[in-house]
C-alpha atoms as a PDB file:
ATOM      1  CA  UNK A   1     137.972 154.691 107.564  1.00  0.00           C
ATOM      2  CA  UNK A   2     140.905 154.302 109.734  1.00  0.00           C
ATOM      3  CA  UNK A   3     141.143 156.203 113.036  1.00  0.00           C
ATOM      4  CA  UNK A   4     144.353 158.222 112.611  1.00  0.00           C
ATOM      5  CA  UNK A   5     144.681 157.633 108.838  1.00  0.00           C
ATOM      6  CA  UNK A   6     142.912 160.201 106.668  1.00  0.00           C
ATOM      7  CA  UNK A   7     144.370 159.312 103.061  1.00  0.00           C
ATOM      8  CA  UNK A   8     140.792 158.574 101.902  1.00  0.00           C
ATOM      9  CA  UNK A   9     138.913 161.610 100.798  1.00  0.00           C
ATOM     10  CA  UNK A  10     135.112 161.935  99.857  1.00  0.00           C
ATOM     11  CA  UNK A  11     133.414 158.767  99.310  1.00  0.00           C
ATOM     12  CA  UNK A  12     136.824 157.101  99.694  1.00  0.00           C
ATOM     13  CA  UNK A  13     136.963 157.934 103.507  1.00  0.00           C
ATOM     14  CA  UNK A  14     134.323 155.366 104.171  1.00  0.00           C
ATOM     15  CA  UNK A  15     135.816 152.733 101.784  1.00  0.00           C
ATOM     16  CA  UNK A  16     136.685 150.118 104.307  1.00  0.00           C
ATOM     17  CA  UNK A  17     133.405 150.173 106.173  1.00  0.00           C
ATOM     18  CA  UNK A  18     131.485 150.707 102.956  1.00  0.00           C
ATOM     19  CA  UNK A  19     132.926 147.738 101.145  1.00  0.00           C
ATOM     20  CA  UNK A  20     132.547 145.576 104.255  1.00  0.00           C
ATOM     21  CA  UNK A  21     128.814 146.084 104.338  1.00  0.00           C
ATOM     22  CA  UNK A  22     128.558 146.003 100.545  1.00  0.00           C
ATOM     23  CA  UNK A  23     130.179 142.756 100.496  1.00  0.00           C
ATOM     24  CA  UNK A  24     127.772 141.141 102.887  1.00  0.00           C
ATOM     25  CA  UNK A  25     124.758 142.636 101.079  1.00  0.00           C
ATOM     26  CA  UNK A  26     125.935 141.788  97.549  1.00  0.00           C
ATOM     27  CA  UNK A  27     126.380 138.195  98.680  1.00  0.00           C
ATOM     28  CA  UNK A  28     122.972 137.977 100.221  1.00  0.00           C
ATOM     29  CA  UNK A  29     121.035 139.623  97.461  1.00  0.00           C
ATOM     30  CA  UNK A  30     122.731 137.251  95.063  1.00  0.00           C
ATOM     31  CA  UNK A  31     121.557 134.239  97.084  1.00  0.00           C
ATOM     32  CA  UNK A  32     117.969 135.309  96.884  1.00  0.00           C
ATOM     33  CA  UNK A  33     118.030 136.034  93.202  1.00  0.00           C
ATOM     34  CA  UNK A  34     119.482 132.553  92.429  1.00  0.00           C
ATOM     35  CA  UNK A  35     116.791 130.908  94.653  1.00  0.00           C
ATOM     36  CA  UNK A  36     113.980 132.753  92.839  1.00  0.00           C
ATOM     37  CA  UNK A  37     115.415 131.859  89.497  1.00  0.00           C
ATOM     38  CA  UNK A  38     115.535 128.141  90.493  1.00  0.00           C
ATOM     39  CA  UNK A  39     111.721 128.006  91.694  1.00  0.00           C
ATOM     40  CA  UNK A  40     109.632 125.126  90.431  1.00  0.00           C
ATOM     41  CA  UNK A  41     108.306 125.596  86.868  1.00  0.00           C
ATOM     42  CA  UNK A  42     104.926 124.385  87.955  1.00  0.00           C
ATOM     43  CA  UNK A  43     104.737 127.250  90.623  1.00  0.00           C
ATOM     44  CA  UNK A  44     101.959 129.896  90.516  1.00  0.00           C
ATOM     45  CA  UNK A  45     102.531 132.951  88.244  1.00  0.00           C
ATOM     46  CA  UNK A  46     103.561 135.160  91.110  1.00  0.00           C
ATOM     47  CA  UNK A  47     107.087 133.984  92.387  1.00  0.00           C
ATOM     48  CA  UNK A  48     107.316 132.779  96.065  1.00  0.00           C
ATOM     49  CA  UNK A  49     109.404 134.648  98.633  1.00  0.00           C
ATOM     50  CA  UNK A  50     112.898 133.074  98.733  1.00  0.00           C
ATOM     51  CA  UNK A  51     115.241 132.956 101.766  1.00  0.00           C
ATOM     52  CA  UNK A  52     118.750 131.917 101.866  1.00  0.00           C
ATOM     53  CA  UNK A  53     122.391 132.533 103.128  1.00  0.00           C
ATOM     54  CA  UNK A  54     125.098 133.656 100.735  1.00  0.00           C
ATOM     55  CA  UNK A  55     128.875 134.370 100.997  1.00  0.00           C
ATOM     56  CA  UNK A  56     131.022 137.042  99.448  1.00  0.00           C
ATOM     57  CA  UNK A  57     134.408 138.151  99.172  1.00  0.00           C
ATOM     58  CA  UNK A  58     135.299 141.675  98.022  1.00  0.00           C
ATOM     59  CA  UNK A  59     138.963 142.690  97.249  1.00  0.00           C
ATOM     60  CA  UNK A  60     140.981 145.858  96.247  1.00  0.00           C
ATOM     61  CA  UNK A  61     144.455 146.751  95.995  1.00  0.00           C
ATOM     62  CA  UNK A  62     143.793 150.550  95.668  1.00  0.00           C
ATOM     63  CA  UNK A  63     143.423 152.828  98.749  1.00  0.00           C
ATOM     64  CA  UNK A  64     141.843 155.441  96.488  1.00  0.00           C
ATOM     65  CA  UNK A  65     139.483 153.503  94.369  1.00  0.00           C
ATOM     66  CA  UNK A  66     135.651 154.179  94.591  1.00  0.00           C
ATOM     67  CA  UNK A  67     134.811 150.519  93.239  1.00  0.00           C
ATOM     68  CA  UNK A  68     135.822 147.152  94.177  1.00  0.00           C
ATOM     69  CA  UNK A  69     135.576 143.685  92.694  1.00  0.00           C
ATOM     70  CA  UNK A  70     133.177 141.057  94.268  1.00  0.00           C
ATOM     71  CA  UNK A  71     132.498 137.374  94.122  1.00  0.00           C
ATOM     72  CA  UNK A  72     129.497 135.687  95.556  1.00  0.00           C
ATOM     73  CA  UNK A  73     128.866 131.950  96.103  1.00  0.00           C
ATOM     74  CA  UNK A  74     126.717 129.609  97.803  1.00  0.00           C
ATOM     75  CA  UNK A  75     122.946 129.526  96.636  1.00  0.00           C
ATOM     76  CA  UNK A  76     124.073 131.978  93.830  1.00  0.00           C
ATOM     77  CA  UNK A  77     127.440 132.370  92.124  1.00  0.00           C
ATOM     78  CA  UNK A  78     128.390 135.530  90.318  1.00  0.00           C
ATOM     79  CA  UNK A  79     130.764 138.427  89.990  1.00  0.00           C
ATOM     80  CA  UNK A  80     129.702 142.035  90.540  1.00  0.00           C
ATOM     81  CA  UNK A  81     131.074 145.632  91.362  1.00  0.00           C
ATOM     82  CA  UNK A  82     130.708 147.430  94.611  1.00  0.00           C
ATOM     83  CA  UNK A  83     130.385 151.265  94.185  1.00  0.00           C
ATOM     84  CA  UNK A  84     131.491 152.488  97.525  1.00  0.00           C
ATOM     85  CA  UNK A  85     129.925 155.206  99.600  1.00  0.00           C
ATOM     86  CA  UNK A  86     130.236 156.747 102.994  1.00  0.00           C
ATOM     87  CA  UNK A  87     127.284 154.977 104.549  1.00  0.00           C
ATOM     88  CA  UNK A  88     125.349 153.464 101.650  1.00  0.00           C
ATOM     89  CA  UNK A  89     126.917 151.350  98.815  1.00  0.00           C
ATOM     90  CA  UNK A  90     125.383 150.477  95.421  1.00  0.00           C
ATOM     91  CA  UNK A  91     126.116 146.926  94.316  1.00  0.00           C
ATOM     92  CA  UNK A  92     125.803 146.358  90.542  1.00  0.00           C
ATOM     93  CA  UNK A  93     125.099 142.497  89.700  1.00  0.00           C
ATOM     94  CA  UNK A  94     123.825 140.784  86.567  1.00  0.00           C
ATOM     95  CA  UNK A  95     120.148 141.798  86.463  1.00  0.00           C
ATOM     96  CA  UNK A  96     119.832 144.659  88.984  1.00  0.00           C
ATOM     97  CA  UNK A  97     121.476 146.646  91.916  1.00  0.00           C
ATOM     98  CA  UNK A  98     121.315 146.338  95.528  1.00  0.00           C
ATOM     99  CA  UNK A  99     121.609 149.297  98.032  1.00  0.00           C
ATOM    100  CA  UNK A 100     123.446 148.590 101.439  1.00  0.00           C
ATOM    101  CA  UNK A 101     123.473 150.641 104.533  1.00  0.00           C
ATOM    102  CA  UNK A 102     126.636 150.177 106.662  1.00  0.00           C
ATOM    103  CA  UNK A 103     128.583 152.137 109.360  1.00  0.00           C
ATOM    104  CA  UNK A 104     130.871 154.785 108.446  1.00  0.00           C
ATOM    105  CA  UNK A 105     134.240 153.297 109.424  1.00  0.00           C
ATOM    106  CA  UNK A 106     136.181 151.678 112.075  1.00  0.00           C
ATOM    107  CA  UNK A 107     139.483 151.888 114.121  1.00  0.00           C
ATOM    108  CA  UNK A 108     142.908 151.078 112.643  1.00  0.00           C
ATOM    109  CA  UNK A 109     146.667 151.562 113.442  1.00  0.00           C
ATOM    110  CA  UNK A 110     149.102 153.724 111.865  1.00  0.00           C
ATOM    111  CA  UNK A 111     152.862 153.610 112.456  1.00  0.00           C
ATOM    112  CA  UNK A 112     154.496 157.031 111.833  1.00  0.00           C
ATOM    113  CA  UNK A 113     157.876 155.527 111.665  1.00  0.00           C
ATOM    114  CA  UNK A 114     157.130 152.679 109.299  1.00  0.00           C
ATOM    115  CA  UNK A 115     154.043 154.022 107.546  1.00  0.00           C
ATOM    116  CA  UNK A 116     152.321 150.725 107.894  1.00  0.00           C
ATOM    117  CA  UNK A 117     148.653 150.891 108.713  1.00  0.00           C
ATOM    118  CA  UNK A 118     146.087 148.007 109.512  1.00  0.00           C
ATOM    119  CA  UNK A 119     142.588 147.539 110.213  1.00  0.00           C
ATOM    120  CA  UNK A 120     140.542 144.423 111.301  1.00  0.00           C
ATOM    121  CA  UNK A 121     137.004 144.890 112.006  1.00  0.00           C
ATOM    122  CA  UNK A 122     133.583 143.204 112.096  1.00  0.00           C
ATOM    123  CA  UNK A 123     130.735 145.382 110.659  1.00  0.00           C
ATOM    124  CA  UNK A 124     127.033 144.848 110.449  1.00  0.00           C
ATOM    125  CA  UNK A 125     124.981 145.945 107.316  1.00  0.00           C
ATOM    126  CA  UNK A 126     121.363 146.288 106.335  1.00  0.00           C
ATOM    127  CA  UNK A 127     120.053 145.917 102.794  1.00  0.00           C
ATOM    128  CA  UNK A 128     117.763 148.905 102.056  1.00  0.00           C
ATOM    129  CA  UNK A 129     116.451 148.335  98.587  1.00  0.00           C
ATOM    130  CA  UNK A 130     117.255 146.975  95.043  1.00  0.00           C
ATOM    131  CA  UNK A 131     116.291 147.155  91.445  1.00  0.00           C
ATOM    132  CA  UNK A 132     115.639 144.578  88.715  1.00  0.00           C
ATOM    133  CA  UNK A 133     115.850 140.998  90.078  1.00  0.00           C
ATOM    134  CA  UNK A 134     116.545 142.413  93.507  1.00  0.00           C
ATOM    135  CA  UNK A 135     113.486 144.717  93.826  1.00  0.00           C
ATOM    136  CA  UNK A 136     112.133 144.347  97.412  1.00  0.00           C
ATOM    137  CA  UNK A 137     115.193 142.506  98.745  1.00  0.00           C
ATOM    138  CA  UNK A 138     115.748 142.645 102.520  1.00  0.00           C
ATOM    139  CA  UNK A 139     118.498 141.429 104.722  1.00  0.00           C
ATOM    140  CA  UNK A 140     121.170 141.905 107.136  1.00  0.00           C
ATOM    141  CA  UNK A 141     124.388 140.358 108.338  1.00  0.00           C
ATOM    142  CA  UNK A 142     127.916 140.811 109.283  1.00  0.00           C
ATOM    143  CA  UNK A 143     131.189 141.137 107.235  1.00  0.00           C
ATOM    144  CA  UNK A 144     134.836 140.945 108.310  1.00  0.00           C
ATOM    145  CA  UNK A 145     137.401 143.410 107.028  1.00  0.00           C
ATOM    146  CA  UNK A 146     141.119 143.000 106.793  1.00  0.00           C
ATOM    147  CA  UNK A 147     143.190 145.962 105.576  1.00  0.00           C
ATOM    148  CA  UNK A 148     146.929 146.277 105.386  1.00  0.00           C
ATOM    149  CA  UNK A 149     148.793 149.154 103.681  1.00  0.00           C
ATOM    150  CA  UNK A 150     151.897 151.320 103.542  1.00  0.00           C
ATOM    151  CA  UNK A 151     151.466 155.139 103.662  1.00  0.00           C
ATOM    152  CA  UNK A 152     153.504 157.321 101.396  1.00  0.00           C
ATOM    153  CA  UNK A 153     156.352 159.401 102.658  1.00  0.00           C
ATOM    154  CA  UNK A 154     156.222 163.064 101.965  1.00  0.00           C
ATOM    155  CA  UNK A 155     159.363 165.266 102.639  1.00  0.00           C
ATOM    156  CA  UNK A 156     160.854 162.180 104.457  1.00  0.00           C
ATOM    157  CA  UNK A 157     157.885 161.637 106.738  1.00  0.00           C
ATOM    158  CA  UNK A 158     155.047 159.168 106.857  1.00  0.00           C
ATOM    159  CA  UNK A 159     151.928 160.860 105.526  1.00  0.00           C
ATOM    160  CA  UNK A 160     148.382 160.066 106.689  1.00  0.00           C
ATOM    161  CA  UNK A 161     146.805 162.239 104.025  1.00  0.00           C
ATOM    162  CA  UNK A 162     148.766 161.199 100.721  1.00  0.00           C
ATOM    163  CA  UNK A 163     147.283 158.139  98.926  1.00  0.00           C
ATOM    164  CA  UNK A 164     149.068 155.035 100.158  1.00  0.00           C
ATOM    165  CA  UNK A 165     151.768 153.543  98.191  1.00  0.00           C
ATOM    166  CA  UNK A 166     150.518 149.846  98.761  1.00  0.00           C
ATOM    167  CA  UNK A 167     147.086 148.758  99.884  1.00  0.00           C
ATOM    168  CA  UNK A 168     145.394 145.319 100.304  1.00  0.00           C
ATOM    169  CA  UNK A 169     141.834 144.975 101.438  1.00  0.00           C
ATOM    170  CA  UNK A 170     139.838 141.706 101.775  1.00  0.00           C
ATOM    171  CA  UNK A 171     136.249 141.625 102.933  1.00  0.00           C
ATOM    172  CA  UNK A 172     134.290 138.303 103.716  1.00  0.00           C
ATOM    173  CA  UNK A 173     130.737 138.474 104.649  1.00  0.00           C
ATOM    174  CA  UNK A 174     127.459 136.331 104.970  1.00  0.00           C
ATOM    175  CA  UNK A 175     124.049 136.554 106.279  1.00  0.00           C
ATOM    176  CA  UNK A 176     120.305 135.886 105.675  1.00  0.00           C
ATOM    177  CA  UNK A 177     118.223 137.537 102.822  1.00  0.00           C
ATOM    178  CA  UNK A 178     114.744 137.529 101.795  1.00  0.00           C
ATOM    179  CA  UNK A 179     113.451 138.294  98.265  1.00  0.00           C
ATOM    180  CA  UNK A 180     109.805 138.645  97.625  1.00  0.00           C
END
C-alpha cells in the first residue's frame, strides 16, 4: 500500500504489493507448467523436475479491485487472474492455482494539492504452493511495480481515504521456478 494513501481497504490495502508478488509468481509457475508439458514422450512415467524463468505483466486500472489481469510469456504463454491478498495472493491459471507470499506494501507519494499519488518499487516474492498442474511448485523472484493515480476530492480537498478517480498499475516480474 502507499505510505500516506489509505484509499485501499481490507484486501485492497495490500493491492500494490500483492499484485507485484503475484505477478512474478504467476509467471514463474506458468513457465514450469509449460516445460513439464513439453517433456519428451519417451520419458519415464513420472515427470522430471522442470526448472525455468518466466516473465509476467499484471495490469489494472482500478484502485479498489480485488483481482487483476495477468499475461505470462517465455517458456509458457497464458492469461490468468490474480486474486489479491494482503500478504498472499492466489493466482488462477489454466489447469490450477498458485499461492504467492509477498510483502504487505511499500512507500509512495501523495500530493495534497493536486491529489496525485505515485509508487515505484521492487518487491521480492516466494511461491508457497499450488494446485493442479502447479502442485509442489517452488520459486522466488522480484517484480517491479509502477502506480500512478488521482485521488478524489471530498468537500474540495484531496482525500486519501476515498476511492481514487483514476488509477494505473503495471507490474513486471520474473524469476526462477521448480516444478516436480
